[in-house]
N, C-alpha and C. Protein backbone atom coordinates (compact mmCIF):
# COMPACT_ATOMS: atom_id res chain seq x y z
N MET A 1 191.30 200.77 181.52
CA MET A 1 191.50 200.83 180.10
C MET A 1 190.77 199.67 179.44
N LEU A 2 190.09 199.97 178.32
CA LEU A 2 189.33 198.95 177.61
C LEU A 2 190.25 198.05 176.79
N THR A 3 189.88 196.79 176.71
CA THR A 3 190.60 195.87 175.83
C THR A 3 190.12 196.13 174.40
N HIS A 4 190.84 195.59 173.44
CA HIS A 4 190.43 195.74 172.05
C HIS A 4 189.04 195.16 171.84
N LYS A 5 188.79 194.01 172.41
CA LYS A 5 187.50 193.33 172.27
C LYS A 5 186.37 194.19 172.85
N GLU A 6 186.59 194.78 174.01
CA GLU A 6 185.58 195.63 174.64
C GLU A 6 185.34 196.90 173.83
N LEU A 7 186.41 197.50 173.35
CA LEU A 7 186.29 198.71 172.54
C LEU A 7 185.52 198.43 171.26
N LYS A 8 185.83 197.30 170.61
CA LYS A 8 185.14 196.92 169.38
C LYS A 8 183.65 196.71 169.67
N ALA A 9 183.33 195.98 170.72
CA ALA A 9 181.92 195.71 171.07
C ALA A 9 181.18 197.02 171.34
N ARG A 10 181.82 197.92 172.04
CA ARG A 10 181.18 199.21 172.35
C ARG A 10 180.96 200.02 171.07
N ALA A 11 181.97 200.04 170.21
CA ALA A 11 181.86 200.80 168.96
C ALA A 11 180.76 200.24 168.07
N LEU A 12 180.65 198.91 168.01
CA LEU A 12 179.66 198.28 167.15
C LEU A 12 178.23 198.43 167.64
N GLU A 13 178.06 198.95 168.84
CA GLU A 13 176.72 199.25 169.34
C GLU A 13 176.12 200.44 168.60
N ARG A 14 177.00 201.28 168.03
CA ARG A 14 176.54 202.44 167.25
C ARG A 14 176.15 201.98 165.85
N ALA A 15 174.96 202.34 165.42
CA ALA A 15 174.45 201.90 164.12
C ALA A 15 175.35 202.34 162.97
N ASP A 16 175.87 203.57 163.02
CA ASP A 16 176.71 204.06 161.92
C ASP A 16 178.03 203.29 161.84
N VAL A 17 178.60 202.96 162.97
CA VAL A 17 179.85 202.20 163.00
C VAL A 17 179.59 200.78 162.51
N LYS A 18 178.51 200.17 162.97
CA LYS A 18 178.17 198.81 162.55
C LYS A 18 177.94 198.73 161.05
N THR A 19 177.25 199.70 160.49
CA THR A 19 176.99 199.73 159.04
C THR A 19 178.29 199.79 158.27
N GLU A 20 179.20 200.66 158.67
CA GLU A 20 180.48 200.79 157.97
C GLU A 20 181.34 199.55 158.18
N TYR A 21 181.33 199.00 159.36
CA TYR A 21 182.08 197.78 159.66
C TYR A 21 181.62 196.64 158.75
N ASP A 22 180.31 196.47 158.65
CA ASP A 22 179.75 195.42 157.79
C ASP A 22 180.09 195.67 156.33
N ARG A 23 180.07 196.93 155.90
CA ARG A 23 180.37 197.27 154.52
C ARG A 23 181.81 196.91 154.15
N LEU A 24 182.70 197.05 155.09
CA LEU A 24 184.12 196.78 154.83
C LEU A 24 184.52 195.34 155.08
N ASP A 25 183.62 194.52 155.60
CA ASP A 25 183.96 193.15 155.96
C ASP A 25 184.56 192.35 154.81
N GLU A 26 183.94 192.39 153.64
CA GLU A 26 184.46 191.62 152.50
C GLU A 26 185.84 192.09 152.09
N GLU A 27 186.03 193.41 152.09
CA GLU A 27 187.34 193.94 151.71
C GLU A 27 188.42 193.43 152.65
N PHE A 28 188.15 193.43 153.94
CA PHE A 28 189.15 192.97 154.90
C PHE A 28 189.38 191.47 154.82
N ARG A 29 188.33 190.71 154.53
CA ARG A 29 188.53 189.27 154.33
C ARG A 29 189.42 189.02 153.12
N PHE A 30 189.20 189.80 152.08
CA PHE A 30 190.00 189.69 150.86
C PHE A 30 191.46 190.01 151.16
N LEU A 31 191.71 191.12 151.84
CA LEU A 31 193.08 191.50 152.19
C LEU A 31 193.73 190.46 153.10
N ASP A 32 192.94 189.89 153.99
CA ASP A 32 193.46 188.85 154.89
C ASP A 32 193.94 187.64 154.10
N GLU A 33 193.25 187.30 153.01
CA GLU A 33 193.68 186.19 152.15
C GLU A 33 195.08 186.45 151.59
N PHE A 34 195.33 187.68 151.19
CA PHE A 34 196.65 188.02 150.66
C PHE A 34 197.73 187.90 151.73
N LEU A 35 197.43 188.39 152.92
CA LEU A 35 198.41 188.31 154.01
C LEU A 35 198.69 186.86 154.39
N LYS A 36 197.65 186.04 154.45
CA LYS A 36 197.83 184.63 154.78
C LYS A 36 198.65 183.91 153.71
N ALA A 37 198.38 184.22 152.45
CA ALA A 37 199.12 183.59 151.35
C ALA A 37 200.59 183.98 151.40
N ARG A 38 200.86 185.24 151.69
CA ARG A 38 202.27 185.68 151.76
C ARG A 38 202.97 185.02 152.93
N ALA A 39 202.29 184.94 154.07
CA ALA A 39 202.88 184.30 155.25
C ALA A 39 203.14 182.82 154.97
N ALA A 40 202.18 182.15 154.33
CA ALA A 40 202.34 180.72 154.02
C ALA A 40 203.50 180.49 153.06
N ALA A 41 203.72 181.44 152.17
CA ALA A 41 204.83 181.33 151.22
C ALA A 41 206.16 181.71 151.85
N GLY A 42 206.12 182.30 153.04
CA GLY A 42 207.34 182.72 153.72
C GLY A 42 208.08 183.83 152.98
N VAL A 43 207.31 184.74 152.41
CA VAL A 43 207.87 185.80 151.58
C VAL A 43 207.61 187.16 152.23
N THR A 44 208.59 188.05 152.18
CA THR A 44 208.42 189.39 152.72
C THR A 44 207.78 190.31 151.68
N GLN A 45 207.31 191.45 152.13
CA GLN A 45 206.78 192.44 151.20
C GLN A 45 207.84 192.85 150.18
N ALA A 46 209.06 193.01 150.63
CA ALA A 46 210.15 193.40 149.73
C ALA A 46 210.39 192.33 148.66
N GLU A 47 210.30 191.08 149.05
CA GLU A 47 210.49 190.00 148.09
C GLU A 47 209.36 189.95 147.05
N VAL A 48 208.13 190.16 147.51
CA VAL A 48 207.00 190.22 146.57
C VAL A 48 207.22 191.38 145.60
N ALA A 49 207.59 192.52 146.14
CA ALA A 49 207.82 193.71 145.32
C ALA A 49 208.87 193.44 144.25
N GLU A 50 209.96 192.81 144.64
CA GLU A 50 211.02 192.51 143.68
C GLU A 50 210.52 191.56 142.59
N ARG A 51 209.75 190.58 142.97
CA ARG A 51 209.24 189.59 142.02
C ARG A 51 208.29 190.19 140.98
N ILE A 52 207.55 191.21 141.38
CA ILE A 52 206.58 191.78 140.44
C ILE A 52 207.00 193.15 139.90
N GLY A 53 208.18 193.61 140.30
CA GLY A 53 208.70 194.85 139.74
C GLY A 53 208.08 196.12 140.30
N THR A 54 207.91 196.15 141.60
CA THR A 54 207.39 197.35 142.24
C THR A 54 208.17 197.59 143.52
N THR A 55 207.68 198.45 144.37
CA THR A 55 208.38 198.78 145.62
C THR A 55 207.70 198.11 146.81
N GLN A 56 208.45 197.97 147.88
CA GLN A 56 207.89 197.40 149.11
C GLN A 56 206.75 198.27 149.62
N SER A 57 206.87 199.60 149.49
CA SER A 57 205.81 200.48 149.98
C SER A 57 204.52 200.30 149.17
N ALA A 58 204.65 199.99 147.88
CA ALA A 58 203.45 199.72 147.06
C ALA A 58 202.76 198.45 147.54
N ILE A 59 203.54 197.44 147.91
CA ILE A 59 202.97 196.19 148.43
C ILE A 59 202.30 196.46 149.78
N ALA A 60 202.93 197.27 150.61
CA ALA A 60 202.34 197.61 151.91
C ALA A 60 201.00 198.32 151.72
N ARG A 61 200.93 199.24 150.77
CA ARG A 61 199.66 199.93 150.49
C ARG A 61 198.61 198.95 150.00
N LEU A 62 198.99 198.04 149.10
CA LEU A 62 198.07 197.04 148.57
C LEU A 62 197.52 196.19 149.71
N GLU A 63 198.39 195.74 150.60
CA GLU A 63 197.97 194.87 151.70
C GLU A 63 197.15 195.60 152.76
N SER A 64 197.32 196.90 152.86
CA SER A 64 196.58 197.66 153.88
C SER A 64 195.20 198.06 153.39
N GLY A 65 195.02 198.09 152.07
CA GLY A 65 193.75 198.54 151.54
C GLY A 65 193.56 200.04 151.63
N ARG A 66 194.62 200.76 151.92
CA ARG A 66 194.51 202.20 152.12
C ARG A 66 195.09 203.02 150.98
N GLY A 67 195.27 202.38 149.84
CA GLY A 67 195.80 203.12 148.70
C GLY A 67 194.79 204.12 148.18
N LYS A 68 195.25 205.03 147.34
CA LYS A 68 194.36 206.04 146.78
C LYS A 68 193.41 205.45 145.74
N HIS A 69 193.78 204.29 145.22
CA HIS A 69 192.92 203.62 144.24
C HIS A 69 193.01 202.12 144.44
N SER A 70 192.03 201.44 143.92
CA SER A 70 192.03 199.98 144.02
C SER A 70 193.02 199.40 143.02
N PRO A 71 193.72 198.36 143.40
CA PRO A 71 194.66 197.73 142.46
C PRO A 71 193.90 197.06 141.31
N SER A 72 194.54 197.02 140.17
CA SER A 72 193.92 196.35 139.02
C SER A 72 193.95 194.84 139.22
N ILE A 73 193.14 194.15 138.45
CA ILE A 73 193.16 192.69 138.49
C ILE A 73 194.52 192.19 138.07
N ALA A 74 195.14 192.85 137.09
CA ALA A 74 196.48 192.45 136.64
C ALA A 74 197.48 192.53 137.78
N THR A 75 197.41 193.57 138.59
CA THR A 75 198.32 193.71 139.74
C THR A 75 198.06 192.61 140.76
N LEU A 76 196.79 192.33 141.03
CA LEU A 76 196.45 191.28 141.99
C LEU A 76 196.92 189.91 141.48
N GLU A 77 196.81 189.70 140.17
CA GLU A 77 197.31 188.44 139.59
C GLU A 77 198.82 188.34 139.74
N LYS A 78 199.54 189.42 139.51
CA LYS A 78 201.00 189.42 139.67
C LYS A 78 201.37 189.08 141.11
N TYR A 79 200.67 189.70 142.04
CA TYR A 79 200.91 189.45 143.47
C TYR A 79 200.70 187.97 143.77
N ALA A 80 199.57 187.43 143.32
CA ALA A 80 199.26 186.02 143.57
C ALA A 80 200.33 185.11 142.97
N HIS A 81 200.72 185.39 141.73
CA HIS A 81 201.72 184.56 141.05
C HIS A 81 203.07 184.63 141.75
N ALA A 82 203.40 185.79 142.32
CA ALA A 82 204.66 185.93 143.05
C ALA A 82 204.70 185.03 144.27
N LEU A 83 203.53 184.60 144.74
CA LEU A 83 203.44 183.73 145.91
C LEU A 83 203.17 182.29 145.52
N GLY A 84 203.17 182.02 144.23
CA GLY A 84 202.88 180.67 143.78
C GLY A 84 201.40 180.34 143.85
N CYS A 85 200.57 181.36 143.77
CA CYS A 85 199.12 181.20 143.83
C CYS A 85 198.50 181.69 142.53
N ARG A 86 197.20 181.48 142.41
CA ARG A 86 196.46 182.06 141.31
C ARG A 86 195.30 182.84 141.90
N LEU A 87 194.86 183.83 141.17
CA LEU A 87 193.76 184.67 141.63
C LEU A 87 192.46 184.11 141.07
N GLU A 88 191.45 183.98 141.92
CA GLU A 88 190.12 183.57 141.49
C GLU A 88 189.17 184.72 141.78
N LEU A 89 188.38 185.05 140.80
CA LEU A 89 187.39 186.11 140.96
C LEU A 89 186.05 185.50 140.56
N ARG A 90 185.12 185.47 141.51
CA ARG A 90 183.82 184.86 141.25
C ARG A 90 182.72 185.79 141.69
N LEU A 91 181.61 185.72 140.98
CA LEU A 91 180.39 186.40 141.40
C LEU A 91 179.45 185.34 141.96
N VAL A 92 178.92 185.60 143.13
CA VAL A 92 178.04 184.65 143.80
C VAL A 92 176.71 185.36 144.04
N ARG A 93 175.62 184.72 143.62
CA ARG A 93 174.31 185.34 143.85
C ARG A 93 174.12 185.61 145.34
N GLU A 94 173.53 186.74 145.64
CA GLU A 94 173.37 187.15 147.03
C GLU A 94 172.60 186.13 147.85
N MET A 95 171.52 185.62 147.36
CA MET A 95 170.72 184.65 148.13
C MET A 95 171.51 183.39 148.40
N ALA A 96 172.25 182.89 147.43
CA ALA A 96 173.04 181.68 147.62
C ALA A 96 174.12 181.92 148.65
N SER A 97 174.73 183.10 148.60
CA SER A 97 175.79 183.42 149.55
C SER A 97 175.24 183.50 150.96
N ARG A 98 174.11 184.15 151.12
CA ARG A 98 173.51 184.27 152.46
C ARG A 98 173.15 182.91 153.04
N LYS A 99 172.57 182.05 152.21
CA LYS A 99 172.21 180.71 152.68
C LYS A 99 173.44 179.93 153.08
N ALA A 100 174.50 180.02 152.27
CA ALA A 100 175.73 179.28 152.55
C ALA A 100 176.38 179.76 153.84
N GLU A 101 176.23 181.04 154.13
CA GLU A 101 176.86 181.60 155.32
C GLU A 101 175.91 181.64 156.50
N GLY A 102 174.65 181.20 156.28
CA GLY A 102 173.68 181.20 157.37
C GLY A 102 173.26 182.60 157.77
N GLN A 103 173.28 183.55 156.83
CA GLN A 103 172.93 184.92 157.13
C GLN A 103 171.55 185.25 156.62
N THR A 104 170.95 186.25 157.23
CA THR A 104 169.68 186.77 156.76
C THR A 104 169.96 187.88 155.76
N PRO A 105 168.97 188.29 154.96
CA PRO A 105 169.18 189.37 154.00
C PRO A 105 169.65 190.66 154.65
N HIS A 106 169.33 190.87 155.90
CA HIS A 106 169.73 192.11 156.57
C HIS A 106 171.16 192.09 157.07
N GLN A 107 171.78 190.92 157.08
CA GLN A 107 173.14 190.81 157.59
C GLN A 107 174.19 191.02 156.52
N THR A 108 173.79 191.01 155.27
CA THR A 108 174.77 191.23 154.20
C THR A 108 174.13 192.00 153.08
N LYS A 109 174.88 192.88 152.46
CA LYS A 109 174.36 193.67 151.36
C LYS A 109 174.99 193.27 150.05
N ARG A 110 176.20 192.75 150.08
CA ARG A 110 176.88 192.34 148.87
C ARG A 110 177.25 190.89 149.00
N ALA A 111 177.40 190.24 147.88
CA ALA A 111 177.79 188.83 147.94
C ALA A 111 178.74 188.50 146.80
N LYS A 112 179.79 189.23 146.70
CA LYS A 112 180.81 188.84 145.73
C LYS A 112 181.95 188.26 146.54
N ARG A 113 182.52 187.24 146.04
CA ARG A 113 183.63 186.62 146.73
C ARG A 113 184.85 186.76 145.87
N ILE A 114 185.91 187.18 146.50
CA ILE A 114 187.17 187.28 145.80
C ILE A 114 188.16 186.48 146.63
N ASN A 115 188.67 185.44 146.04
CA ASN A 115 189.58 184.56 146.78
C ASN A 115 190.93 184.50 146.10
N ALA A 116 191.94 184.58 146.88
CA ALA A 116 193.28 184.30 146.38
C ALA A 116 193.62 182.92 146.91
N GLY A 117 193.98 182.03 146.08
CA GLY A 117 194.24 180.71 146.63
C GLY A 117 194.65 179.78 145.66
């Protein structure tokens, strides 16, 4: 049986999988920021939901990135504030972002950074 690491490496050998994986990288980094902030605050999904007036399942969908639509900036701000954080939304020029990350133009297609912190 393959380990997760081996399965991932094998899957990423396929050009179509690698392209989609790279496309979703920023979204997953963004979602990871939310999960880390909630963990650091020691707050459950249910507690966040109560603080912002929604349901635990809505918070779970937001954190999974699998909702039918993207959350509004207002919703993301409410989530951040419920954790004692603020939402920062910045646009970063692609060339500057690539240089800062040590990437070539072929390694990244988008360079917007969305940080919760």
